[in-house]
Amino acid sequence: QRELVARINNGGLTNYADSVKGRFTISG
């Protein structure tokens, strides 16, 4: 299934899937 990797809101708040924490970085 399609799964969330990471997301960021307008305020810069981010969240990540546990499997990518520490390896992936989202920015906007």
PDB file of all heavy atoms in Angstrom:
ATOM      1  N   GLN A   1       0.825  -1.195   0.000  1.00  0.00           N
ATOM      2  CA  GLN A   1       0.000   0.000   0.000  1.00  0.00           C
ATOM      3  C   GLN A   1       0.865   1.252   0.000  1.00  0.00           C
ATOM      4  O   GLN A   1       2.013   1.241   0.444  1.00  0.00           O
ATOM      5  CB  GLN A   1      -0.906  -0.008   1.237  1.00  0.00           C
ATOM      6  CG  GLN A   1      -2.004  -1.056   1.202  1.00  0.00           C
ATOM      7  CD  GLN A   1      -2.987  -0.899   2.342  1.00  0.00           C
ATOM      8  OE1 GLN A   1      -2.622  -0.402   3.410  1.00  0.00           O
ATOM      9  NE2 GLN A   1      -4.223  -1.319   2.133  1.00  0.00           N
ATOM     10  N   ARG A   2       0.285   2.319  -0.494  1.00  0.00           N
ATOM     11  CA  ARG A   2       0.973   3.599  -0.437  1.00  0.00           C
ATOM     12  C   ARG A   2       1.089   4.024   1.030  1.00  0.00           C
ATOM     13  O   ARG A   2       0.132   3.913   1.802  1.00  0.00           O
ATOM     14  CB  ARG A   2       0.202   4.649  -1.243  1.00  0.00           C
ATOM     15  CG  ARG A   2       0.946   5.939  -1.455  1.00  0.00           C
ATOM     16  CD  ARG A   2       0.200   6.859  -2.411  1.00  0.00           C
ATOM     17  NE  ARG A   2       0.060   6.267  -3.744  1.00  0.00           N
ATOM     18  CZ  ARG A   2      -0.397   6.938  -4.800  1.00  0.00           C
ATOM     19  NH1 ARG A   2      -0.763   8.204  -4.673  1.00  0.00           N
ATOM     20  NH2 ARG A   2      -0.517   6.331  -5.966  1.00  0.00           N
ATOM     21  N   GLU A   3       2.259   4.534   1.394  1.00  0.00           N
ATOM     22  CA  GLU A   3       2.502   4.924   2.776  1.00  0.00           C
ATOM     23  C   GLU A   3       3.136   6.307   2.850  1.00  0.00           C
ATOM     24  O   GLU A   3       3.865   6.724   1.949  1.00  0.00           O
ATOM     25  CB  GLU A   3       3.418   3.907   3.472  1.00  0.00           C
ATOM     26  CG  GLU A   3       4.808   3.805   2.872  1.00  0.00           C
ATOM     27  CD  GLU A   3       5.735   2.865   3.629  1.00  0.00           C
ATOM     28  OE1 GLU A   3       5.313   2.250   4.624  1.00  0.00           O
ATOM     29  OE2 GLU A   3       6.908   2.755   3.224  1.00  0.00           O
ATOM     30  N   LEU A   4       2.868   6.978   3.956  1.00  0.00           N
ATOM     31  CA  LEU A   4       3.468   8.274   4.208  1.00  0.00           C
ATOM     32  C   LEU A   4       4.968   8.109   4.465  1.00  0.00           C
ATOM     33  O   LEU A   4       5.385   7.244   5.217  1.00  0.00           O
ATOM     34  CB  LEU A   4       2.826   8.932   5.423  1.00  0.00           C
ATOM     35  CG  LEU A   4       3.479  10.220   5.917  1.00  0.00           C
ATOM     36  CD1 LEU A   4       3.270  11.347   4.915  1.00  0.00           C
ATOM     37  CD2 LEU A   4       2.943  10.593   7.289  1.00  0.00           C
ATOM     38  N   VAL A   5       5.749   8.973   3.831  1.00  0.00           N
ATOM     39  CA  VAL A   5       7.188   9.035   4.106  1.00  0.00           C
ATOM     40  C   VAL A   5       7.484  10.222   5.024  1.00  0.00           C
ATOM     41  O   VAL A   5       8.082  10.071   6.081  1.00  0.00           O
ATOM     42  CB  VAL A   5       7.992   9.166   2.800  1.00  0.00           C
ATOM     43  CG1 VAL A   5       9.481   9.304   3.104  1.00  0.00           C
ATOM     44  CG2 VAL A   5       7.733   7.976   1.889  1.00  0.00           C
ATOM     45  N   ALA A   6       7.039  11.399   4.606  1.00  0.00           N
ATOM     46  CA  ALA A   6       7.276  12.605   5.395  1.00  0.00           C
ATOM     47  C   ALA A   6       6.342  13.698   4.898  1.00  0.00           C
ATOM     48  O   ALA A   6       5.937  13.691   3.730  1.00  0.00           O
ATOM     49  CB  ALA A   6       8.729  13.074   5.272  1.00  0.00           C
ATOM     50  N   ARG A   7       6.021  14.647   5.772  1.00  0.00           N
ATOM     51  CA  ARG A   7       5.210  15.783   5.367  1.00  0.00           C
ATOM     52  C   ARG A   7       5.595  16.993   6.193  1.00  0.00           C
ATOM     53  O   ARG A   7       6.175  16.877   7.275  1.00  0.00           O
ATOM     54  CB  ARG A   7       3.722  15.497   5.488  1.00  0.00           C
ATOM     55  CG  ARG A   7       3.249  15.134   6.866  1.00  0.00           C
ATOM     56  CD  ARG A   7       1.808  14.637   6.815  1.00  0.00           C
ATOM     57  NE  ARG A   7       1.385  14.102   8.109  1.00  0.00           N
ATOM     58  CZ  ARG A   7       0.329  13.340   8.274  1.00  0.00           C
ATOM     59  NH1 ARG A   7      -0.437  13.020   7.238  1.00  0.00           N
ATOM     60  NH2 ARG A   7       0.010  12.911   9.480  1.00  0.00           N
ATOM     61  N   ILE A   8       5.241  18.166   5.637  1.00  0.00           N
ATOM     62  CA  ILE A   8       5.579  19.431   6.276  1.00  0.00           C
ATOM     63  C   ILE A   8       4.412  20.380   6.084  1.00  0.00           C
ATOM     64  O   ILE A   8       3.822  20.445   4.996  1.00  0.00           O
ATOM     65  CB  ILE A   8       6.892  19.990   5.678  1.00  0.00           C
ATOM     66  CG1 ILE A   8       7.316  21.262   6.391  1.00  0.00           C
ATOM     67  CG2 ILE A   8       6.787  20.204   4.162  1.00  0.00           C
ATOM     68  CD1 ILE A   8       8.756  21.698   6.040  1.00  0.00           C
ATOM     69  N   ASN A   9       4.074  21.120   7.150  1.00  0.00           N
ATOM     70  CA  ASN A   9       2.978  22.067   6.992  1.00  0.00           C
ATOM     71  C   ASN A   9       3.523  23.487   6.811  1.00  0.00           C
ATOM     72  O   ASN A   9       4.740  23.709   6.796  1.00  0.00           O
ATOM     73  CB  ASN A   9       1.997  21.977   8.163  1.00  0.00           C
ATOM     74  CG  ASN A   9       2.562  22.479   9.483  1.00  0.00           C
ATOM     75  OD1 ASN A   9       3.638  23.082   9.539  1.00  0.00           O
ATOM     76  ND2 ASN A   9       1.833  22.231  10.555  1.00  0.00           N
ATOM     77  N   ASN A  10       2.624  24.433   6.661  1.00  0.00           N
ATOM     78  CA  ASN A  10       3.036  25.802   6.367  1.00  0.00           C
ATOM     79  C   ASN A  10       3.873  26.410   7.489  1.00  0.00           C
ATOM     80  O   ASN A  10       4.642  27.343   7.250  1.00  0.00           O
ATOM     81  CB  ASN A  10       1.811  26.682   6.106  1.00  0.00           C
ATOM     82  CG  ASN A  10       1.186  26.399   4.766  1.00  0.00           C
ATOM     83  OD1 ASN A  10       1.758  25.680   3.943  1.00  0.00           O
ATOM     84  ND2 ASN A  10       0.006  26.942   4.533  1.00  0.00           N
ATOM     85  N   GLY A  11       3.697  25.883   8.696  1.00  0.00           N
ATOM     86  CA  GLY A  11       4.470  26.384   9.820  1.00  0.00           C
ATOM     87  C   GLY A  11       5.813  25.719   9.970  1.00  0.00           C
ATOM     88  O   GLY A  11       6.572  26.039  10.890  1.00  0.00           O
ATOM     89  N   GLY A  12       6.124  24.784   9.080  1.00  0.00           N
ATOM     90  CA  GLY A  12       7.405  24.093   9.134  1.00  0.00           C
ATOM     91  C   GLY A  12       7.401  22.844   9.996  1.00  0.00           C
ATOM     92  O   GLY A  12       8.450  22.209  10.182  1.00  0.00           O
ATOM     93  N   LEU A  13       6.241  22.499  10.533  1.00  0.00           N
ATOM     94  CA  LEU A  13       6.155  21.291  11.367  1.00  0.00           C
ATOM     95  C   LEU A  13       6.243  20.062  10.466  1.00  0.00           C
ATOM     96  O   LEU A  13       5.558  19.974   9.450  1.00  0.00           O
ATOM     97  CB  LEU A  13       4.846  21.275  12.137  1.00  0.00           C
ATOM     98  CG  LEU A  13       4.634  20.119  13.104  1.00  0.00           C
ATOM     99  CD1 LEU A  13       5.642  20.199  14.249  1.00  0.00           C
ATOM    100  CD2 LEU A  13       3.211  20.127  13.642  1.00  0.00           C
ATOM    101  N   THR A  14       7.102  19.132  10.855  1.00  0.00           N
ATOM    102  CA  THR A  14       7.324  17.944  10.039  1.00  0.00           C
ATOM    103  C   THR A  14       6.985  16.675  10.810  1.00  0.00           C
ATOM    104  O   THR A  14       7.018  16.653  12.038  1.00  0.00           O
ATOM    105  CB  THR A  14       8.794  17.854   9.593  1.00  0.00           C
ATOM    106  OG1 THR A  14       9.634  17.788  10.757  1.00  0.00           O
ATOM    107  CG2 THR A  14       9.195  19.059   8.761  1.00  0.00           C
ATOM    108  N   ASN A  15       6.662  15.639  10.073  1.00  0.00           N
ATOM    109  CA  ASN A  15       6.625  14.320  10.673  1.00  0.00           C
ATOM    110  C   ASN A  15       7.057  13.292   9.645  1.00  0.00           C
ATOM    111  O   ASN A  15       6.943  13.518   8.427  1.00  0.00           O
ATOM    112  CB  ASN A  15       5.270  13.977  11.301  1.00  0.00           C
ATOM    113  CG  ASN A  15       4.152  13.870  10.312  1.00  0.00           C
ATOM    114  OD1 ASN A  15       3.771  14.858   9.710  1.00  0.00           O
ATOM    115  ND2 ASN A  15       3.614  12.677  10.174  1.00  0.00           N
ATOM    116  N   TYR A  16       7.619  12.195  10.168  1.00  0.00           N
ATOM    117  CA  TYR A  16       8.261  11.183   9.338  1.00  0.00           C
ATOM    118  C   TYR A  16       7.772   9.791   9.702  1.00  0.00           C
ATOM    119  O   TYR A  16       7.417   9.512  10.853  1.00  0.00           O
ATOM    120  CB  TYR A  16       9.782  11.210   9.555  1.00  0.00           C
ATOM    121  CG  TYR A  16      10.460  12.469   9.139  1.00  0.00           C
ATOM    122  CD1 TYR A  16      10.597  13.534  10.020  1.00  0.00           C
ATOM    123  CD2 TYR A  16      10.997  12.597   7.855  1.00  0.00           C
ATOM    124  CE1 TYR A  16      11.232  14.704   9.633  1.00  0.00           C
ATOM    125  CE2 TYR A  16      11.643  13.754   7.467  1.00  0.00           C
ATOM    126  CZ  TYR A  16      11.743  14.796   8.357  1.00  0.00           C
ATOM    127  OH  TYR A  16      12.390  15.960   7.971  1.00  0.00           O
ATOM    128  N   ALA A  17       7.816   8.914   8.728  1.00  0.00           N
ATOM    129  CA  ALA A  17       7.624   7.499   9.018  1.00  0.00           C
ATOM    130  C   ALA A  17       8.805   7.019   9.857  1.00  0.00           C
ATOM    131  O   ALA A  17       9.937   7.471   9.668  1.00  0.00           O
ATOM    132  CB  ALA A  17       7.548   6.701   7.725  1.00  0.00           C
ATOM    133  N   ASP A  18       8.547   6.106  10.767  1.00  0.00           N
ATOM    134  CA  ASP A  18       9.614   5.597  11.624  1.00  0.00           C
ATOM    135  C   ASP A  18      10.759   5.008  10.803  1.00  0.00           C
ATOM    136  O   ASP A  18      11.935   5.110  11.187  1.00  0.00           O
ATOM    137  CB  ASP A  18       9.070   4.530  12.578  1.00  0.00           C
ATOM    138  CG  ASP A  18       8.210   5.117  13.677  1.00  0.00           C
ATOM    139  OD1 ASP A  18       8.281   6.343  13.909  1.00  0.00           O
ATOM    140  OD2 ASP A  18       7.448   4.355  14.306  1.00  0.00           O
ATOM    141  N   SER A  19      10.435   4.420   9.675  1.00  0.00           N
ATOM    142  CA  SER A  19      11.442   3.729   8.872  1.00  0.00           C
ATOM    143  C   SER A  19      12.445   4.666   8.227  1.00  0.00           C
ATOM    144  O   SER A  19      13.504   4.217   7.758  1.00  0.00           O
ATOM    145  CB  SER A  19      10.762   2.886   7.784  1.00  0.00           C
ATOM    146  OG  SER A  19       9.965   3.710   6.950  1.00  0.00           O
ATOM    147  N   VAL A  20      12.138   5.965   8.177  1.00  0.00           N
ATOM    148  CA  VAL A  20      13.049   6.904   7.514  1.00  0.00           C
ATOM    149  C   VAL A  20      13.623   7.949   8.464  1.00  0.00           C
ATOM    150  O   VAL A  20      14.468   8.748   8.055  1.00  0.00           O
ATOM    151  CB  VAL A  20      12.364   7.611   6.325  1.00  0.00           C
ATOM    152  CG1 VAL A  20      11.756   6.588   5.366  1.00  0.00           C
ATOM    153  CG2 VAL A  20      11.315   8.619   6.790  1.00  0.00           C
ATOM    154  N   LYS A  21      13.186   7.940   9.701  1.00  0.00           N
ATOM    155  CA  LYS A  21      13.691   8.934  10.660  1.00  0.00           C
ATOM    156  C   LYS A  21      15.203   8.831  10.792  1.00  0.00           C
ATOM    157  O   LYS A  21      15.757   7.733  10.906  1.00  0.00           O
ATOM    158  CB  LYS A  21      13.036   8.721  12.030  1.00  0.00           C
ATOM    159  CG  LYS A  21      11.621   9.230  12.121  1.00  0.00           C
ATOM    160  CD  LYS A  21      11.025   8.987  13.502  1.00  0.00           C
ATOM    161  CE  LYS A  21       9.596   9.476  13.578  1.00  0.00           C
ATOM    162  NZ  LYS A  21       8.971   9.190  14.894  1.00  0.00           N
ATOM    163  N   GLY A  22      15.853   9.982  10.770  1.00  0.00           N
ATOM    164  CA  GLY A  22      17.302  10.028  10.875  1.00  0.00           C
ATOM    165  C   GLY A  22      18.019   9.863   9.550  1.00  0.00           C
ATOM    166  O   GLY A  22      19.231  10.078   9.468  1.00  0.00           O
ATOM    167  N   ARG A  23      17.300   9.466   8.513  1.00  0.00           N
ATOM    168  CA  ARG A  23      17.901   9.279   7.191  1.00  0.00           C
ATOM    169  C   ARG A  23      17.346  10.255   6.155  1.00  0.00           C
ATOM    170  O   ARG A  23      18.081  10.694   5.270  1.00  0.00           O
ATOM    171  CB  ARG A  23      17.673   7.850   6.699  1.00  0.00           C
ATOM    172  CG  ARG A  23      18.256   6.787   7.597  1.00  0.00           C
ATOM    173  CD  ARG A  23      18.163   5.400   6.945  1.00  0.00           C
ATOM    174  NE  ARG A  23      16.781   4.985   6.699  1.00  0.00           N
ATOM    175  CZ  ARG A  23      16.309   4.666   5.495  1.00  0.00           C
ATOM    176  NH1 ARG A  23      17.095   4.723   4.425  1.00  0.00           N
ATOM    177  NH2 ARG A  23      15.046   4.278   5.357  1.00  0.00           N
ATOM    178  N   PHE A  24      16.070  10.560   6.248  1.00  0.00           N
ATOM    179  CA  PHE A  24      15.419  11.449   5.286  1.00  0.00           C
ATOM    180  C   PHE A  24      15.099  12.783   5.953  1.00  0.00           C
ATOM    181  O   PHE A  24      14.773  12.840   7.138  1.00  0.00           O
ATOM    182  CB  PHE A  24      14.108  10.846   4.791  1.00  0.00           C
ATOM    183  CG  PHE A  24      14.242   9.620   3.923  1.00  0.00           C
ATOM    184  CD1 PHE A  24      15.443   8.961   3.764  1.00  0.00           C
ATOM    185  CD2 PHE A  24      13.132   9.130   3.239  1.00  0.00           C
ATOM    186  CE1 PHE A  24      15.554   7.828   2.964  1.00  0.00           C
ATOM    187  CE2 PHE A  24      13.223   8.006   2.436  1.00  0.00           C
ATOM    188  CZ  PHE A  24      14.429   7.354   2.297  1.00  0.00           C
ATOM    189  N   THR A  25      15.161  13.839   5.156  1.00  0.00           N
ATOM    190  CA  THR A  25      14.800  15.166   5.642  1.00  0.00           C
ATOM    191  C   THR A  25      13.894  15.842   4.630  1.00  0.00           C
ATOM    192  O   THR A  25      14.255  15.951   3.451  1.00  0.00           O
ATOM    193  CB  THR A  25      16.046  16.031   5.872  1.00  0.00           C
ATOM    194  OG1 THR A  25      16.922  15.384   6.799  1.00  0.00           O
ATOM    195  CG2 THR A  25      15.652  17.403   6.421  1.00  0.00           C
ATOM    196  N   ILE A  26      12.750  16.310   5.097  1.00  0.00           N
ATOM    197  CA  ILE A  26      11.838  17.061   4.235  1.00  0.00           C
ATOM    198  C   ILE A  26      12.006  18.544   4.522  1.00  0.00           C
ATOM    199  O   ILE A  26      12.195  18.950   5.680  1.00  0.00           O
ATOM    200  CB  ILE A  26      10.370  16.614   4.421  1.00  0.00           C
ATOM    201  CG1 ILE A  26       9.480  17.232   3.352  1.00  0.00           C
ATOM    202  CG2 ILE A  26       9.869  16.919   5.831  1.00  0.00           C
ATOM    203  CD1 ILE A  26       8.081  16.638   3.303  1.00  0.00           C
ATOM    204  N   SER A  27      11.968  19.337   3.470  1.00  0.00           N
ATOM    205  CA  SER A  27      12.045  20.783   3.634  1.00  0.00           C
ATOM    206  C   SER A  27      11.178  21.431   2.572  1.00  0.00           C
ATOM    207  O   SER A  27      10.813  20.792   1.583  1.00  0.00           O
ATOM    208  CB  SER A  27      13.488  21.274   3.539  1.00  0.00           C
ATOM    209  OG  SER A  27      14.036  20.957   2.278  1.00  0.00           O
ATOM    210  N   GLY A  28      10.857  22.690   2.799  1.00  0.00           N
ATOM    211  CA  GLY A  28       9.974  23.343   1.851  1.00  0.00           C
ATOM    212  C   GLY A  28      10.302  24.800   1.657  1.00  0.00           C
ATOM    213  O   GLY A  28      10.914  25.434   2.529  1.00  0.00           O
TER     214      GLY A  28
END
